[in-house]
Amino acid sequence: MFDPTVLFLSLITGGAGFVLLVYGKKQARLPYVVAGLVYLVYPYFVESAIAILAIGTAVAIGLWLAVRAGW
């Protein structure tokens, strides 16, 4: 339950989520706000380091695709 790797990855994703959320709110950019919220919330429901990395990568790719598409 208290795996240091999972705790560290949760801290990193939470920090990135906070930055994305604040940036998205200031710039009024919905994809950044949504990605920030997902980064803040999903580590609470995931217990594996591999899953945290996989979901984080998928969210980052989704954000990149959304911004590239003009959102």
N, C-alpha and C. Protein backbone atom coordinates (compact mmCIF):
# COMPACT_ATOMS: atom_id res chain seq x y z
N MET A 1 0.81 -1.19 0.00
CA MET A 1 0.00 0.00 0.00
C MET A 1 0.86 1.26 0.00
N PHE A 2 1.96 1.26 0.72
CA PHE A 2 2.80 2.44 0.80
C PHE A 2 4.11 2.23 0.04
N ASP A 3 3.99 1.93 -1.22
CA ASP A 3 5.15 1.75 -2.08
C ASP A 3 5.75 3.13 -2.37
N PRO A 4 7.03 3.35 -2.08
CA PRO A 4 7.62 4.67 -2.28
C PRO A 4 7.59 5.13 -3.75
N THR A 5 7.70 4.21 -4.67
CA THR A 5 7.66 4.58 -6.08
C THR A 5 6.29 5.14 -6.45
N VAL A 6 5.25 4.49 -5.99
CA VAL A 6 3.89 4.94 -6.29
C VAL A 6 3.64 6.30 -5.63
N LEU A 7 4.09 6.47 -4.40
CA LEU A 7 3.92 7.75 -3.72
C LEU A 7 4.64 8.88 -4.45
N PHE A 8 5.86 8.61 -4.91
CA PHE A 8 6.63 9.62 -5.64
C PHE A 8 5.97 9.96 -6.97
N LEU A 9 5.52 8.95 -7.70
CA LEU A 9 4.84 9.20 -8.97
C LEU A 9 3.53 9.95 -8.77
N SER A 10 2.83 9.66 -7.69
CA SER A 10 1.60 10.39 -7.38
C SER A 10 1.90 11.85 -7.09
N LEU A 11 3.00 12.11 -6.41
CA LEU A 11 3.39 13.49 -6.12
C LEU A 11 3.73 14.23 -7.41
N ILE A 12 4.45 13.58 -8.30
CA ILE A 12 4.82 14.21 -9.58
C ILE A 12 3.58 14.49 -10.42
N THR A 13 2.68 13.52 -10.54
CA THR A 13 1.49 13.74 -11.36
C THR A 13 0.57 14.78 -10.73
N GLY A 14 0.49 14.80 -9.42
CA GLY A 14 -0.31 15.82 -8.75
C GLY A 14 0.24 17.22 -8.98
N GLY A 15 1.56 17.36 -8.93
CA GLY A 15 2.18 18.66 -9.20
C GLY A 15 1.96 19.10 -10.64
N ALA A 16 2.12 18.18 -11.57
CA ALA A 16 1.88 18.51 -12.97
C ALA A 16 0.42 18.86 -13.20
N GLY A 17 -0.48 18.14 -12.54
CA GLY A 17 -1.90 18.43 -12.66
C GLY A 17 -2.25 19.81 -12.13
N PHE A 18 -1.66 20.18 -11.01
CA PHE A 18 -1.91 21.51 -10.45
C PHE A 18 -1.44 22.61 -11.40
N VAL A 19 -0.25 22.44 -11.96
CA VAL A 19 0.28 23.43 -12.90
C VAL A 19 -0.60 23.53 -14.13
N LEU A 20 -1.01 22.40 -14.68
CA LEU A 20 -1.89 22.41 -15.85
C LEU A 20 -3.23 23.05 -15.54
N LEU A 21 -3.78 22.76 -14.37
CA LEU A 21 -5.06 23.33 -13.99
C LEU A 21 -4.98 24.85 -13.86
N VAL A 22 -3.96 25.35 -13.19
CA VAL A 22 -3.81 26.80 -13.03
C VAL A 22 -3.57 27.47 -14.37
N TYR A 23 -2.71 26.88 -15.19
CA TYR A 23 -2.44 27.45 -16.52
C TYR A 23 -3.70 27.44 -17.38
N GLY A 24 -4.43 26.34 -17.35
CA GLY A 24 -5.65 26.24 -18.14
C GLY A 24 -6.71 27.24 -17.71
N LYS A 25 -6.83 27.49 -16.40
CA LYS A 25 -7.80 28.46 -15.92
C LYS A 25 -7.40 29.88 -16.32
N LYS A 26 -6.11 30.19 -16.23
CA LYS A 26 -5.66 31.54 -16.60
C LYS A 26 -5.83 31.81 -18.08
N GLN A 27 -5.55 30.82 -18.90
CA GLN A 27 -5.62 31.00 -20.35
C GLN A 27 -7.00 30.64 -20.90
N ALA A 28 -7.91 30.16 -20.05
CA ALA A 28 -9.25 29.72 -20.46
C ALA A 28 -9.16 28.65 -21.54
N ARG A 29 -8.32 27.65 -21.31
CA ARG A 29 -8.12 26.54 -22.25
C ARG A 29 -8.64 25.27 -21.61
N LEU A 30 -9.75 24.77 -22.10
CA LEU A 30 -10.42 23.61 -21.53
C LEU A 30 -9.56 22.34 -21.53
N PRO A 31 -8.81 22.02 -22.59
CA PRO A 31 -8.02 20.77 -22.53
C PRO A 31 -7.01 20.75 -21.39
N TYR A 32 -6.40 21.89 -21.11
CA TYR A 32 -5.43 21.94 -20.01
C TYR A 32 -6.11 21.76 -18.66
N VAL A 33 -7.29 22.33 -18.50
CA VAL A 33 -8.04 22.18 -17.25
C VAL A 33 -8.44 20.73 -17.05
N VAL A 34 -8.96 20.10 -18.09
CA VAL A 34 -9.39 18.70 -17.99
C VAL A 34 -8.20 17.79 -17.70
N ALA A 35 -7.10 17.99 -18.42
CA ALA A 35 -5.91 17.17 -18.18
C ALA A 35 -5.37 17.39 -16.77
N GLY A 36 -5.39 18.62 -16.31
CA GLY A 36 -4.95 18.91 -14.95
C GLY A 36 -5.80 18.21 -13.91
N LEU A 37 -7.11 18.23 -14.09
CA LEU A 37 -8.00 17.54 -13.16
C LEU A 37 -7.77 16.02 -13.18
N VAL A 38 -7.58 15.48 -14.38
CA VAL A 38 -7.33 14.03 -14.48
C VAL A 38 -6.02 13.68 -13.78
N TYR A 39 -4.97 14.48 -14.00
CA TYR A 39 -3.69 14.23 -13.33
C TYR A 39 -3.81 14.34 -11.81
N LEU A 40 -4.66 15.22 -11.34
CA LEU A 40 -4.83 15.37 -9.90
C LEU A 40 -5.61 14.21 -9.27
N VAL A 41 -6.55 13.64 -10.01
CA VAL A 41 -7.47 12.67 -9.42
C VAL A 41 -7.05 11.22 -9.61
N TYR A 42 -6.55 10.85 -10.78
CA TYR A 42 -6.38 9.42 -11.05
C TYR A 42 -5.38 8.70 -10.16
N PRO A 43 -4.35 9.33 -9.60
CA PRO A 43 -3.46 8.55 -8.72
C PRO A 43 -4.14 8.01 -7.46
N TYR A 44 -5.27 8.59 -7.08
CA TYR A 44 -6.00 8.08 -5.91
C TYR A 44 -6.61 6.70 -6.17
N PHE A 45 -6.85 6.38 -7.42
CA PHE A 45 -7.53 5.14 -7.77
C PHE A 45 -6.61 4.08 -8.35
N VAL A 46 -5.33 4.39 -8.51
CA VAL A 46 -4.39 3.46 -9.14
C VAL A 46 -3.34 3.07 -8.11
N GLU A 47 -3.03 1.77 -8.04
CA GLU A 47 -2.10 1.29 -7.02
C GLU A 47 -0.77 0.81 -7.59
N SER A 48 -0.61 0.83 -8.89
CA SER A 48 0.59 0.29 -9.51
C SER A 48 1.38 1.41 -10.20
N ALA A 49 2.70 1.33 -10.09
CA ALA A 49 3.55 2.33 -10.73
C ALA A 49 3.44 2.26 -12.25
N ILE A 50 3.34 1.07 -12.78
CA ILE A 50 3.21 0.90 -14.23
C ILE A 50 1.91 1.53 -14.72
N ALA A 51 0.83 1.33 -13.98
CA ALA A 51 -0.46 1.90 -14.36
C ALA A 51 -0.42 3.42 -14.27
N ILE A 52 0.23 3.96 -13.26
CA ILE A 52 0.33 5.43 -13.15
C ILE A 52 1.09 5.98 -14.35
N LEU A 53 2.17 5.34 -14.72
CA LEU A 53 2.93 5.81 -15.89
C LEU A 53 2.14 5.66 -17.18
N ALA A 54 1.43 4.56 -17.33
CA ALA A 54 0.65 4.33 -18.56
C ALA A 54 -0.49 5.33 -18.69
N ILE A 55 -1.23 5.55 -17.61
CA ILE A 55 -2.34 6.50 -17.66
C ILE A 55 -1.81 7.92 -17.85
N GLY A 56 -0.73 8.26 -17.19
CA GLY A 56 -0.14 9.58 -17.34
C GLY A 56 0.32 9.84 -18.77
N THR A 57 0.90 8.83 -19.38
CA THR A 57 1.33 8.96 -20.78
C THR A 57 0.12 9.11 -21.69
N ALA A 58 -0.94 8.35 -21.43
CA ALA A 58 -2.15 8.45 -22.26
C ALA A 58 -2.79 9.84 -22.13
N VAL A 59 -2.81 10.38 -20.92
CA VAL A 59 -3.37 11.73 -20.72
C VAL A 59 -2.52 12.78 -21.44
N ALA A 60 -1.21 12.63 -21.35
CA ALA A 60 -0.33 13.58 -22.03
C ALA A 60 -0.50 13.53 -23.54
N ILE A 61 -0.63 12.34 -24.09
CA ILE A 61 -0.85 12.20 -25.53
C ILE A 61 -2.21 12.78 -25.91
N GLY A 62 -3.23 12.52 -25.10
CA GLY A 62 -4.55 13.09 -25.36
C GLY A 62 -4.54 14.60 -25.32
N LEU A 63 -3.81 15.18 -24.36
CA LEU A 63 -3.69 16.64 -24.29
C LEU A 63 -2.97 17.17 -25.52
N TRP A 64 -1.91 16.52 -25.91
CA TRP A 64 -1.15 16.96 -27.08
C TRP A 64 -2.02 16.91 -28.34
N LEU A 65 -2.78 15.83 -28.49
CA LEU A 65 -3.66 15.70 -29.66
C LEU A 65 -4.76 16.76 -29.64
N ALA A 66 -5.33 17.04 -28.47
CA ALA A 66 -6.38 18.04 -28.36
C ALA A 66 -5.86 19.43 -28.71
N VAL A 67 -4.68 19.77 -28.21
CA VAL A 67 -4.10 21.09 -28.52
C VAL A 67 -3.72 21.17 -29.98
N ARG A 68 -3.19 20.10 -30.50
CA ARG A 68 -2.81 20.07 -31.92
C ARG A 68 -4.02 20.18 -32.83
N ALA A 69 -5.17 19.67 -32.38
CA ALA A 69 -6.40 19.75 -33.17
C ALA A 69 -7.06 21.11 -33.10
N GLY A 70 -6.52 22.00 -32.27
CA GLY A 70 -7.04 23.35 -32.22
C GLY A 70 -7.96 23.66 -31.06
N TRP A 71 -8.03 22.78 -30.08
CA TRP A 71 -8.87 23.05 -28.93
C TRP A 71 -8.20 24.10 -28.14
